[in-house]
Amino acid sequence: MKIDEIRGMTPDQLAETLLNLKKEQFNLRFQRATGQVEKTHRVDEVRKDIARIKTTLRAKQATA
């Protein structure tokens, strides 16, 4: 997910996307623990997307 896409979202959309990404991260952790994860790079992508969304949410709350 690119930062331009994230900045264009409303805070409600960001919160929903954040929740979905956290669920995906949880599932990926279990898959990695059991050795079933196929796309190992996705773990890092999800982690970075969560950080981007949290940063953008924080910035939008600070300006409001």
C-alpha atoms as a PDB file:
ATOM      1  CA  MET A   1       0.000   0.000   0.000  1.00  0.00           C
ATOM      2  CA  LYS A   2       1.419   3.358  -0.983  1.00  0.00           C
ATOM      3  CA  ILE A   3       1.476   6.416   1.233  1.00  0.00           C
ATOM      4  CA  ASP A   4      -0.550   8.446  -1.291  1.00  0.00           C
ATOM      5  CA  GLU A   5      -3.388   5.918  -1.031  1.00  0.00           C
ATOM      6  CA  ILE A   6      -3.235   6.065   2.755  1.00  0.00           C
ATOM      7  CA  ARG A   7      -3.264   9.867   2.904  1.00  0.00           C
ATOM      8  CA  GLY A   8      -6.354   9.952   0.692  1.00  0.00           C
ATOM      9  CA  MET A   9      -8.392   7.858   3.126  1.00  0.00           C
ATOM     10  CA  THR A  10     -10.672   9.179   5.840  1.00  0.00           C
ATOM     11  CA  PRO A  11      -9.890   8.372   9.480  1.00  0.00           C
ATOM     12  CA  ASP A  12     -12.726   5.806   9.525  1.00  0.00           C
ATOM     13  CA  GLN A  13     -11.330   4.049   6.461  1.00  0.00           C
ATOM     14  CA  LEU A  14      -7.868   4.097   8.013  1.00  0.00           C
ATOM     15  CA  ALA A  15      -9.156   2.519  11.224  1.00  0.00           C
ATOM     16  CA  GLU A  16     -10.937  -0.210   9.258  1.00  0.00           C
ATOM     17  CA  THR A  17      -7.867  -0.910   7.136  1.00  0.00           C
ATOM     18  CA  LEU A  18      -5.706  -0.996  10.259  1.00  0.00           C
ATOM     19  CA  LEU A  19      -8.002  -3.578  11.839  1.00  0.00           C
ATOM     20  CA  ASN A  20      -7.865  -5.751   8.701  1.00  0.00           C
ATOM     21  CA  LEU A  21      -4.081  -5.539   8.552  1.00  0.00           C
ATOM     22  CA  LYS A  22      -3.733  -6.493  12.208  1.00  0.00           C
ATOM     23  CA  LYS A  23      -5.925  -9.553  11.583  1.00  0.00           C
ATOM     24  CA  GLU A  24      -3.779 -10.473   8.590  1.00  0.00           C
ATOM     25  CA  GLN A  25      -0.617 -10.014  10.658  1.00  0.00           C
ATOM     26  CA  PHE A  26      -2.031 -12.301  13.344  1.00  0.00           C
ATOM     27  CA  ASN A  27      -2.814 -14.995  10.764  1.00  0.00           C
ATOM     28  CA  LEU A  28       0.604 -14.664   9.158  1.00  0.00           C
ATOM     29  CA  ARG A  29       2.295 -15.117  12.537  1.00  0.00           C
ATOM     30  CA  PHE A  30       0.452 -18.384  13.052  1.00  0.00           C
ATOM     31  CA  GLN A  31       1.288 -19.543   9.543  1.00  0.00           C
ATOM     32  CA  ARG A  32       4.957 -18.752  10.090  1.00  0.00           C
ATOM     33  CA  ALA A  33       4.983 -20.617  13.404  1.00  0.00           C
ATOM     34  CA  THR A  34       3.526 -23.723  11.784  1.00  0.00           C
ATOM     35  CA  GLY A  35       5.699 -23.414   8.675  1.00  0.00           C
ATOM     36  CA  GLN A  36       2.792 -22.851   6.298  1.00  0.00           C
ATOM     37  CA  VAL A  37       3.495 -19.286   5.177  1.00  0.00           C
ATOM     38  CA  GLU A  38       4.067 -19.136   1.426  1.00  0.00           C
ATOM     39  CA  LYS A  39       4.717 -15.437   0.928  1.00  0.00           C
ATOM     40  CA  THR A  40       7.282 -14.653   3.586  1.00  0.00           C
ATOM     41  CA  HIS A  41       7.766 -11.098   2.313  1.00  0.00           C
ATOM     42  CA  ARG A  42       4.127 -10.321   3.116  1.00  0.00           C
ATOM     43  CA  VAL A  43       4.925 -10.348   6.858  1.00  0.00           C
ATOM     44  CA  ASP A  44       7.237  -7.353   6.466  1.00  0.00           C
ATOM     45  CA  GLU A  45       4.862  -5.564   4.080  1.00  0.00           C
ATOM     46  CA  VAL A  46       1.971  -5.826   6.519  1.00  0.00           C
ATOM     47  CA  ARG A  47       4.120  -4.580   9.390  1.00  0.00           C
ATOM     48  CA  LYS A  48       5.227  -1.538   7.399  1.00  0.00           C
ATOM     49  CA  ASP A  49       1.676  -0.810   6.200  1.00  0.00           C
ATOM     50  CA  ILE A  50       0.470  -0.835   9.805  1.00  0.00           C
ATOM     51  CA  ALA A  51       3.194   1.663  10.721  1.00  0.00           C
ATOM     52  CA  ARG A  52       2.279   3.921   7.786  1.00  0.00           C
ATOM     53  CA  ILE A  53      -1.390   3.927   8.740  1.00  0.00           C
ATOM     54  CA  LYS A  54      -0.671   4.617  12.405  1.00  0.00           C
ATOM     55  CA  THR A  55       1.615   7.508  11.457  1.00  0.00           C
ATOM     56  CA  THR A  56      -0.974   9.011   9.131  1.00  0.00           C
ATOM     57  CA  LEU A  57      -3.757   8.627  11.713  1.00  0.00           C
ATOM     58  CA  ARG A  58      -1.603  10.322  14.327  1.00  0.00           C
ATOM     59  CA  ALA A  59      -0.805  13.202  11.970  1.00  0.00           C
ATOM     60  CA  LYS A  60      -4.478  13.706  11.083  1.00  0.00           C
ATOM     61  CA  GLN A  61      -5.449  13.720  14.768  1.00  0.00           C
ATOM     62  CA  ALA A  62      -2.741  16.261  15.562  1.00  0.00           C
ATOM     63  CA  THR A  63      -4.000  18.671  12.907  1.00  0.00           C
ATOM     64  CA  ALA A  64      -7.641  18.332  13.948  1.00  0.00           C
END
